[in-house]
Amino acid sequence: MKKIVAIVAIVLVAIVGISYFIIDSRYDKEEILNEFLVPKDAIIKYEDEGEAFNNISYEWSKASNKGIPFDYKMILMINGWEKEKDEKDIGRWSGRYKKDDILVSIGTSEPDILAIASKKEPK
């Protein structure tokens, strides 16, 4: 019985580990967005480096009006990005993430469009 439990535990750990590497390989850190993770298969549609915010809009088939996919949320969390719990209406933005002094807003109000705005907060 102990052998079966050990084998099941090893298989589960292997599945979780392999899943992490598969999901992690789908995203790259974007320098313009202060090292925020962006899907590798997203195509840049618009880019604006401003004084307050850096904005990039991507065409990404997994973006929807309902927000970003669970695996994207999970990999952001694993990489230290904390989702802010905002009580106020943030308009078309579907989420805000923070890491250290960097604030990133993600919008998915249009089908197949992922809009990301990033700024470094002053210390």
C-alpha atoms as a PDB file:
ATOM      1  CA  MET A   1       0.000   0.000   0.000  1.00  0.00           C
ATOM      2  CA  LYS A   2       2.854   2.384   0.827  1.00  0.00           C
ATOM      3  CA  LYS A   3       4.389   1.709  -2.584  1.00  0.00           C
ATOM      4  CA  ILE A   4       1.158   2.655  -4.351  1.00  0.00           C
ATOM      5  CA  VAL A   5       0.874   5.909  -2.373  1.00  0.00           C
ATOM      6  CA  ALA A   6       4.525   6.750  -3.099  1.00  0.00           C
ATOM      7  CA  ILE A   7       4.105   6.043  -6.816  1.00  0.00           C
ATOM      8  CA  VAL A   8       0.918   8.139  -6.996  1.00  0.00           C
ATOM      9  CA  ALA A   9       2.684  10.998  -5.162  1.00  0.00           C
ATOM     10  CA  ILE A  10       5.672  10.855  -7.534  1.00  0.00           C
ATOM     11  CA  VAL A  11       3.398  10.824 -10.588  1.00  0.00           C
ATOM     12  CA  LEU A  12       1.412  13.819  -9.271  1.00  0.00           C
ATOM     13  CA  VAL A  13       4.594  15.801  -8.555  1.00  0.00           C
ATOM     14  CA  ALA A  14       5.895  14.983 -12.036  1.00  0.00           C
ATOM     15  CA  ILE A  15       2.619  16.079 -13.662  1.00  0.00           C
ATOM     16  CA  VAL A  16       2.618  19.369 -11.728  1.00  0.00           C
ATOM     17  CA  GLY A  17       6.283  20.008 -12.594  1.00  0.00           C
ATOM     18  CA  ILE A  18       5.842  19.265 -16.276  1.00  0.00           C
ATOM     19  CA  SER A  19       2.677  21.396 -16.400  1.00  0.00           C
ATOM     20  CA  TYR A  20       4.542  24.327 -14.850  1.00  0.00           C
ATOM     21  CA  PHE A  21       7.327  24.165 -17.434  1.00  0.00           C
ATOM     22  CA  ILE A  22       4.831  23.893 -20.296  1.00  0.00           C
ATOM     23  CA  ILE A  23       2.813  26.881 -19.047  1.00  0.00           C
ATOM     24  CA  ASP A  24       5.950  28.907 -18.210  1.00  0.00           C
ATOM     25  CA  SER A  25       7.344  28.362 -21.702  1.00  0.00           C
ATOM     26  CA  ARG A  26       4.325  30.163 -23.207  1.00  0.00           C
ATOM     27  CA  TYR A  27       5.243  33.558 -21.706  1.00  0.00           C
ATOM     28  CA  ASP A  28       8.182  35.975 -21.976  1.00  0.00           C
ATOM     29  CA  LYS A  29       9.179  38.967 -19.878  1.00  0.00           C
ATOM     30  CA  GLU A  30       8.608  42.231 -21.746  1.00  0.00           C
ATOM     31  CA  GLU A  31      11.295  44.816 -21.010  1.00  0.00           C
ATOM     32  CA  ILE A  32       9.110  47.788 -22.000  1.00  0.00           C
ATOM     33  CA  LEU A  33       6.464  46.614 -19.528  1.00  0.00           C
ATOM     34  CA  ASN A  34       8.959  46.394 -16.646  1.00  0.00           C
ATOM     35  CA  GLU A  35       9.535  42.631 -17.040  1.00  0.00           C
ATOM     36  CA  PHE A  36       5.813  41.774 -17.010  1.00  0.00           C
ATOM     37  CA  LEU A  37       5.000  38.395 -18.551  1.00  0.00           C
ATOM     38  CA  VAL A  38       3.430  38.496 -22.014  1.00  0.00           C
ATOM     39  CA  PRO A  39       2.210  35.557 -24.130  1.00  0.00           C
ATOM     40  CA  LYS A  40       4.755  34.487 -26.754  1.00  0.00           C
ATOM     41  CA  ASP A  41       2.036  33.958 -29.350  1.00  0.00           C
ATOM     42  CA  ALA A  42       0.611  37.488 -28.932  1.00  0.00           C
ATOM     43  CA  ILE A  43       1.230  39.891 -31.822  1.00  0.00           C
ATOM     44  CA  ILE A  44       1.891  43.565 -31.084  1.00  0.00           C
ATOM     45  CA  LYS A  45      -0.828  45.785 -32.589  1.00  0.00           C
ATOM     46  CA  TYR A  46       0.009  49.084 -30.842  1.00  0.00           C
ATOM     47  CA  GLU A  47       2.896  50.284 -28.711  1.00  0.00           C
ATOM     48  CA  ASP A  48       3.346  53.569 -26.841  1.00  0.00           C
ATOM     49  CA  GLU A  49       6.179  54.432 -24.474  1.00  0.00           C
ATOM     50  CA  GLY A  50       4.942  57.383 -22.451  1.00  0.00           C
ATOM     51  CA  GLU A  51       6.212  59.303 -19.451  1.00  0.00           C
ATOM     52  CA  ALA A  52       3.579  57.942 -17.072  1.00  0.00           C
ATOM     53  CA  PHE A  53       2.663  54.596 -18.644  1.00  0.00           C
ATOM     54  CA  ASN A  54       4.047  52.222 -21.238  1.00  0.00           C
ATOM     55  CA  ASN A  55       1.172  50.728 -23.241  1.00  0.00           C
ATOM     56  CA  ILE A  56       1.151  47.760 -25.570  1.00  0.00           C
ATOM     57  CA  SER A  57      -1.887  46.198 -27.216  1.00  0.00           C
ATOM     58  CA  TYR A  58      -1.577  42.656 -28.504  1.00  0.00           C
ATOM     59  CA  GLU A  59      -3.693  40.514 -30.751  1.00  0.00           C
ATOM     60  CA  TRP A  60      -4.077  37.311 -28.754  1.00  0.00           C
ATOM     61  CA  SER A  61      -6.656  34.646 -29.479  1.00  0.00           C
ATOM     62  CA  LYS A  62      -7.047  33.698 -25.797  1.00  0.00           C
ATOM     63  CA  ALA A  63      -8.096  37.203 -24.704  1.00  0.00           C
ATOM     64  CA  SER A  64     -11.827  37.635 -24.166  1.00  0.00           C
ATOM     65  CA  ASN A  65     -14.318  40.006 -22.579  1.00  0.00           C
ATOM     66  CA  LYS A  66     -14.297  37.705 -19.557  1.00  0.00           C
ATOM     67  CA  GLY A  67     -10.650  38.435 -18.766  1.00  0.00           C
ATOM     68  CA  ILE A  68      -7.419  36.526 -19.044  1.00  0.00           C
ATOM     69  CA  PRO A  69      -7.147  32.710 -18.964  1.00  0.00           C
ATOM     70  CA  PHE A  70      -6.532  30.841 -15.705  1.00  0.00           C
ATOM     71  CA  ASP A  71      -3.061  29.610 -16.744  1.00  0.00           C
ATOM     72  CA  TYR A  72      -1.952  33.212 -17.385  1.00  0.00           C
ATOM     73  CA  LYS A  73      -3.225  34.284 -13.949  1.00  0.00           C
ATOM     74  CA  MET A  74      -1.454  31.310 -12.380  1.00  0.00           C
ATOM     75  CA  ILE A  75       1.929  32.002 -14.007  1.00  0.00           C
ATOM     76  CA  LEU A  76       1.692  35.678 -13.008  1.00  0.00           C
ATOM     77  CA  MET A  77       1.057  34.651  -9.404  1.00  0.00           C
ATOM     78  CA  ILE A  78       3.935  32.142  -9.437  1.00  0.00           C
ATOM     79  CA  ASN A  79       6.265  34.874 -10.744  1.00  0.00           C
ATOM     80  CA  GLY A  80       5.400  37.219  -7.877  1.00  0.00           C
ATOM     81  CA  TRP A  81       2.724  39.414  -9.480  1.00  0.00           C
ATOM     82  CA  GLU A  82      -0.062  40.027  -6.970  1.00  0.00           C
ATOM     83  CA  LYS A  83      -3.540  40.840  -8.213  1.00  0.00           C
ATOM     84  CA  GLU A  84      -4.807  43.990  -6.560  1.00  0.00           C
ATOM     85  CA  LYS A  85      -8.206  43.856  -4.986  1.00  0.00           C
ATOM     86  CA  ASP A  86      -9.692  47.092  -6.264  1.00  0.00           C
ATOM     87  CA  GLU A  87     -13.157  48.075  -5.091  1.00  0.00           C
ATOM     88  CA  LYS A  88     -13.431  50.999  -7.473  1.00  0.00           C
ATOM     89  CA  ASP A  89     -14.451  50.587 -11.105  1.00  0.00           C
ATOM     90  CA  ILE A  90     -11.361  50.379 -13.285  1.00  0.00           C
ATOM     91  CA  GLY A  91     -13.244  50.859 -16.539  1.00  0.00           C
ATOM     92  CA  ARG A  92     -12.238  48.637 -19.396  1.00  0.00           C
ATOM     93  CA  TRP A  93      -9.317  47.171 -17.480  1.00  0.00           C
ATOM     94  CA  SER A  94      -9.941  43.637 -16.291  1.00  0.00           C
ATOM     95  CA  GLY A  95      -7.212  43.473 -13.687  1.00  0.00           C
ATOM     96  CA  ARG A  96      -4.321  45.162 -11.938  1.00  0.00           C
ATOM     97  CA  TYR A  97      -1.146  43.431 -10.872  1.00  0.00           C
ATOM     98  CA  LYS A  98       1.627  44.711  -8.663  1.00  0.00           C
ATOM     99  CA  LYS A  99       5.188  43.603  -7.973  1.00  0.00           C
ATOM    100  CA  ASP A 100       7.577  45.735  -5.937  1.00  0.00           C
ATOM    101  CA  ASP A 101       7.088  49.298  -7.255  1.00  0.00           C
ATOM    102  CA  ILE A 102       5.575  48.269 -10.612  1.00  0.00           C
ATOM    103  CA  LEU A 103       1.853  48.507 -11.342  1.00  0.00           C
ATOM    104  CA  VAL A 104       0.414  46.781 -14.423  1.00  0.00           C
ATOM    105  CA  SER A 105      -3.152  47.029 -15.724  1.00  0.00           C
ATOM    106  CA  ILE A 106      -4.531  44.418 -18.112  1.00  0.00           C
ATOM    107  CA  GLY A 107      -7.516  44.996 -20.364  1.00  0.00           C
ATOM    108  CA  THR A 108      -9.462  42.467 -22.411  1.00  0.00           C
ATOM    109  CA  SER A 109     -12.641  44.374 -23.237  1.00  0.00           C
ATOM    110  CA  GLU A 110     -12.349  43.539 -26.944  1.00  0.00           C
ATOM    111  CA  PRO A 111     -12.244  39.966 -28.240  1.00  0.00           C
ATOM    112  CA  ASP A 112      -8.739  38.828 -29.182  1.00  0.00           C
ATOM    113  CA  ILE A 113      -7.125  42.031 -27.826  1.00  0.00           C
ATOM    114  CA  LEU A 114      -4.903  42.067 -24.751  1.00  0.00           C
ATOM    115  CA  ALA A 115      -4.017  45.596 -23.627  1.00  0.00           C
ATOM    116  CA  ILE A 116      -1.271  46.029 -21.021  1.00  0.00           C
ATOM    117  CA  ALA A 117      -0.198  49.285 -19.365  1.00  0.00           C
ATOM    118  CA  SER A 118       2.747  49.379 -16.991  1.00  0.00           C
ATOM    119  CA  LYS A 119       4.245  52.054 -14.780  1.00  0.00           C
ATOM    120  CA  LYS A 120       6.836  52.297 -12.058  1.00  0.00           C
ATOM    121  CA  GLU A 121       5.494  54.022  -8.976  1.00  0.00           C
ATOM    122  CA  PRO A 122       7.737  56.677  -7.446  1.00  0.00           C
ATOM    123  CA  LYS A 123       9.370  55.720  -4.184  1.00  0.00           C
END
